[in-house]
N, C-alpha and C. Protein backbone atom coordinates (compact mmCIF):
# COMPACT_ATOMS: atom_id res chain seq x y z
N MET A 1 -18.57 -4.83 5.11
CA MET A 1 -17.36 -4.34 5.58
C MET A 1 -17.59 -3.52 6.84
N ASP A 2 -16.70 -3.78 7.78
CA ASP A 2 -16.78 -3.00 9.02
C ASP A 2 -16.23 -1.59 8.82
N SER A 3 -16.73 -0.68 9.63
CA SER A 3 -16.19 0.70 9.64
C SER A 3 -14.77 0.69 10.18
N PRO A 4 -13.89 1.46 9.60
CA PRO A 4 -12.49 1.52 10.09
C PRO A 4 -12.40 2.07 11.52
N SER A 5 -11.52 1.53 12.37
CA SER A 5 -11.41 2.01 13.68
C SER A 5 -10.69 3.38 13.70
N LEU A 6 -10.80 4.03 14.85
CA LEU A 6 -10.13 5.33 14.97
C LEU A 6 -8.62 5.22 14.78
N SER A 7 -7.98 4.11 15.36
CA SER A 7 -6.57 3.93 15.21
C SER A 7 -6.20 3.76 13.77
N LEU A 8 -7.03 3.02 12.96
CA LEU A 8 -6.71 2.78 11.58
C LEU A 8 -6.78 4.11 10.82
N LEU A 9 -7.81 4.93 11.12
CA LEU A 9 -8.00 6.19 10.47
C LEU A 9 -6.79 7.12 10.77
N VAL A 10 -6.30 7.07 11.95
CA VAL A 10 -5.13 7.89 12.35
C VAL A 10 -3.88 7.44 11.55
N LYS A 11 -3.70 6.09 11.38
CA LYS A 11 -2.58 5.53 10.64
C LYS A 11 -2.67 5.93 9.20
N LEU A 12 -3.85 5.81 8.62
CA LEU A 12 -4.08 6.13 7.19
C LEU A 12 -3.86 7.66 6.95
N GLY A 13 -4.27 8.47 7.94
CA GLY A 13 -4.04 9.90 7.83
C GLY A 13 -2.54 10.22 7.87
N SER A 14 -1.87 9.53 8.74
CA SER A 14 -0.37 9.68 8.89
C SER A 14 0.29 9.35 7.54
N ILE A 15 -0.18 8.24 6.92
CA ILE A 15 0.38 7.81 5.66
C ILE A 15 0.15 8.89 4.61
N ALA A 16 -1.01 9.48 4.55
CA ALA A 16 -1.30 10.50 3.56
C ALA A 16 -0.44 11.69 3.75
N VAL A 17 -0.28 12.17 5.03
CA VAL A 17 0.51 13.30 5.32
C VAL A 17 2.01 13.04 4.94
N HIS A 18 2.57 11.88 5.29
CA HIS A 18 3.93 11.54 4.93
C HIS A 18 4.15 11.48 3.46
N VAL A 19 3.22 10.88 2.74
CA VAL A 19 3.36 10.81 1.28
C VAL A 19 3.27 12.21 0.65
N ASP A 20 2.35 13.04 1.14
CA ASP A 20 2.26 14.36 0.63
C ASP A 20 3.62 15.16 0.86
N GLU A 21 4.10 15.01 2.03
CA GLU A 21 5.36 15.72 2.42
C GLU A 21 6.55 15.16 1.57
N MET A 22 6.60 13.81 1.36
CA MET A 22 7.68 13.16 0.60
C MET A 22 7.67 13.62 -0.82
N LEU A 23 6.51 13.86 -1.41
CA LEU A 23 6.37 14.24 -2.80
C LEU A 23 6.53 15.77 -3.02
N SER A 24 6.57 16.52 -1.91
CA SER A 24 6.68 17.93 -2.04
C SER A 24 8.15 18.34 -2.38
N PRO A 25 8.34 19.60 -2.86
CA PRO A 25 9.71 20.03 -3.14
C PRO A 25 10.58 20.03 -1.87
N LEU A 26 10.01 20.11 -0.75
CA LEU A 26 10.82 20.08 0.52
C LEU A 26 10.81 18.72 1.14
N GLY A 27 10.38 17.72 0.44
CA GLY A 27 10.33 16.38 0.97
C GLY A 27 11.64 15.91 1.52
N HIS A 28 11.50 15.04 2.46
CA HIS A 28 12.78 14.58 3.22
C HIS A 28 12.75 13.06 3.27
N GLY A 29 13.88 12.46 3.34
CA GLY A 29 14.01 11.01 3.42
C GLY A 29 13.34 10.42 4.72
N TRP A 30 13.19 11.28 5.68
CA TRP A 30 12.50 10.83 6.94
C TRP A 30 11.07 10.37 6.69
N ASP A 31 10.48 11.06 5.74
CA ASP A 31 9.06 10.70 5.43
C ASP A 31 8.96 9.22 4.91
N LYS A 32 9.93 8.89 4.05
CA LYS A 32 9.95 7.48 3.57
C LYS A 32 10.15 6.48 4.75
N GLU A 33 11.07 6.83 5.65
CA GLU A 33 11.33 5.95 6.78
C GLU A 33 10.09 5.86 7.70
N ALA A 34 9.42 7.02 7.89
CA ALA A 34 8.24 7.02 8.69
C ALA A 34 7.09 6.18 8.10
N LEU A 35 7.04 6.08 6.80
CA LEU A 35 6.04 5.29 6.12
C LEU A 35 6.23 3.80 6.30
N LYS A 36 7.46 3.31 6.40
CA LYS A 36 7.72 1.89 6.46
C LYS A 36 6.97 1.09 7.57
N PRO A 37 7.07 1.58 8.79
CA PRO A 37 6.32 0.86 9.89
C PRO A 37 4.81 1.05 9.75
N LEU A 38 4.36 2.22 9.24
CA LEU A 38 2.92 2.44 9.04
C LEU A 38 2.40 1.44 8.01
N LEU A 39 3.12 1.28 6.87
CA LEU A 39 2.64 0.38 5.83
C LEU A 39 2.76 -1.08 6.22
N ALA A 40 3.61 -1.41 7.17
CA ALA A 40 3.79 -2.80 7.67
C ALA A 40 2.83 -3.09 8.91
N ASP A 41 2.16 -2.11 9.35
CA ASP A 41 1.25 -2.29 10.52
C ASP A 41 0.24 -3.30 10.21
N PRO A 42 -0.05 -4.28 11.09
CA PRO A 42 -1.03 -5.37 10.79
C PRO A 42 -2.42 -4.82 10.51
N GLU A 43 -2.83 -3.78 11.20
CA GLU A 43 -4.17 -3.21 11.00
C GLU A 43 -4.26 -2.55 9.61
N VAL A 44 -3.19 -1.91 9.18
CA VAL A 44 -3.14 -1.32 7.86
C VAL A 44 -3.14 -2.36 6.75
N THR A 45 -2.26 -3.38 6.94
CA THR A 45 -2.13 -4.39 5.90
C THR A 45 -3.41 -5.19 5.72
N ALA A 46 -4.08 -5.45 6.90
CA ALA A 46 -5.38 -6.17 6.82
C ALA A 46 -6.40 -5.31 6.03
N TRP A 47 -6.42 -4.01 6.32
CA TRP A 47 -7.37 -3.14 5.66
C TRP A 47 -7.13 -3.06 4.11
N ILE A 48 -5.85 -2.94 3.80
CA ILE A 48 -5.43 -2.88 2.37
C ILE A 48 -5.88 -4.18 1.69
N GLU A 49 -5.63 -5.32 2.34
CA GLU A 49 -6.04 -6.59 1.78
C GLU A 49 -7.54 -6.69 1.57
N GLN A 50 -8.26 -6.27 2.58
CA GLN A 50 -9.69 -6.31 2.53
C GLN A 50 -10.26 -5.41 1.44
N MET A 51 -9.74 -4.19 1.35
CA MET A 51 -10.16 -3.27 0.33
C MET A 51 -9.76 -3.72 -1.10
N THR A 52 -8.63 -4.34 -1.23
CA THR A 52 -8.17 -4.86 -2.50
C THR A 52 -9.11 -6.00 -2.94
N ASP A 53 -9.38 -6.91 -2.00
CA ASP A 53 -10.26 -8.05 -2.30
C ASP A 53 -11.64 -7.60 -2.75
N GLU A 54 -12.11 -6.47 -2.20
CA GLU A 54 -13.42 -5.96 -2.56
C GLU A 54 -13.35 -5.03 -3.81
N GLY A 55 -12.20 -4.95 -4.40
CA GLY A 55 -12.05 -4.15 -5.63
C GLY A 55 -12.03 -2.65 -5.42
N MET A 56 -11.73 -2.23 -4.22
CA MET A 56 -11.78 -0.79 -3.87
C MET A 56 -10.43 -0.12 -4.03
N LEU A 57 -9.35 -0.91 -4.12
CA LEU A 57 -7.96 -0.36 -4.24
C LEU A 57 -7.35 -1.03 -5.48
N PRO A 58 -6.35 -0.28 -6.07
CA PRO A 58 -5.66 -0.87 -7.15
C PRO A 58 -4.86 -2.09 -6.68
N VAL A 59 -4.66 -3.05 -7.61
CA VAL A 59 -3.86 -4.25 -7.32
C VAL A 59 -2.41 -3.87 -7.28
N GLN A 60 -1.67 -4.23 -6.25
CA GLN A 60 -0.26 -3.98 -6.27
C GLN A 60 0.51 -4.97 -7.10
N ARG A 61 1.12 -4.40 -8.17
CA ARG A 61 1.80 -5.20 -9.17
C ARG A 61 2.95 -5.94 -8.64
N TRP A 62 3.63 -5.44 -7.67
CA TRP A 62 4.89 -5.96 -7.15
C TRP A 62 4.65 -7.03 -6.08
N LYS A 63 3.45 -7.09 -5.47
CA LYS A 63 3.25 -8.01 -4.36
C LYS A 63 3.40 -9.43 -4.73
N LYS A 64 4.22 -10.17 -3.95
CA LYS A 64 4.42 -11.55 -4.17
C LYS A 64 3.17 -12.32 -4.06
N GLY A 65 2.82 -13.17 -5.05
CA GLY A 65 1.62 -13.94 -5.09
C GLY A 65 0.54 -13.20 -5.86
N SER A 66 0.76 -11.97 -6.27
CA SER A 66 -0.22 -11.20 -6.99
C SER A 66 -0.43 -11.87 -8.37
N LYS A 67 -1.62 -11.91 -8.82
CA LYS A 67 -1.92 -12.39 -10.21
C LYS A 67 -1.30 -11.53 -11.24
N VAL A 68 -1.32 -10.20 -11.00
CA VAL A 68 -0.71 -9.27 -11.95
C VAL A 68 0.77 -9.52 -11.99
N ARG A 69 1.43 -9.72 -10.85
CA ARG A 69 2.89 -9.95 -10.85
C ARG A 69 3.23 -11.24 -11.60
N LYS A 70 2.39 -12.27 -11.40
CA LYS A 70 2.65 -13.55 -12.10
C LYS A 70 2.45 -13.35 -13.63
N ALA A 71 1.48 -12.62 -13.99
CA ALA A 71 1.26 -12.37 -15.43
C ALA A 71 2.41 -11.59 -16.05
N LEU A 72 2.92 -10.56 -15.34
CA LEU A 72 4.07 -9.81 -15.80
C LEU A 72 5.26 -10.71 -15.96
N GLU A 73 5.47 -11.55 -14.94
CA GLU A 73 6.66 -12.44 -14.94
C GLU A 73 6.53 -13.38 -16.09
N ASP A 74 5.29 -13.90 -16.39
CA ASP A 74 5.10 -14.80 -17.51
C ASP A 74 5.37 -14.12 -18.85
N ILE A 75 4.93 -12.91 -18.97
CA ILE A 75 5.19 -12.16 -20.19
C ILE A 75 6.63 -11.95 -20.36
N ARG A 76 7.34 -11.47 -19.32
CA ARG A 76 8.76 -11.23 -19.45
C ARG A 76 9.58 -12.54 -19.79
N ALA A 77 9.05 -13.70 -19.27
CA ALA A 77 9.75 -14.93 -19.54
C ALA A 77 9.31 -15.57 -20.85
N GLY A 78 8.41 -14.89 -21.60
CA GLY A 78 7.96 -15.42 -22.84
C GLY A 78 6.90 -16.54 -22.75
N ARG A 79 6.28 -16.72 -21.60
CA ARG A 79 5.31 -17.78 -21.40
C ARG A 79 3.89 -17.34 -21.79
N ARG A 80 3.81 -16.09 -22.17
CA ARG A 80 2.43 -15.59 -22.68
C ARG A 80 2.63 -14.82 -23.95
């Protein structure tokens, strides 16, 4: 695995700060809006995918194509 670039570290740090602010008692809707482009950034999404593939991050249950999502859909539909 390559070391993360400085730009990726800045984006990940921004995500952490906005999530922390969003969850605080003084959280604001702006933090959620600020997160959207950060989470959609190609460098961030590639890093999340790589870390997930290496088992370093939790699997996103909601992500389309996720094995976990398919299993949940199968359970809900009575196929399991």
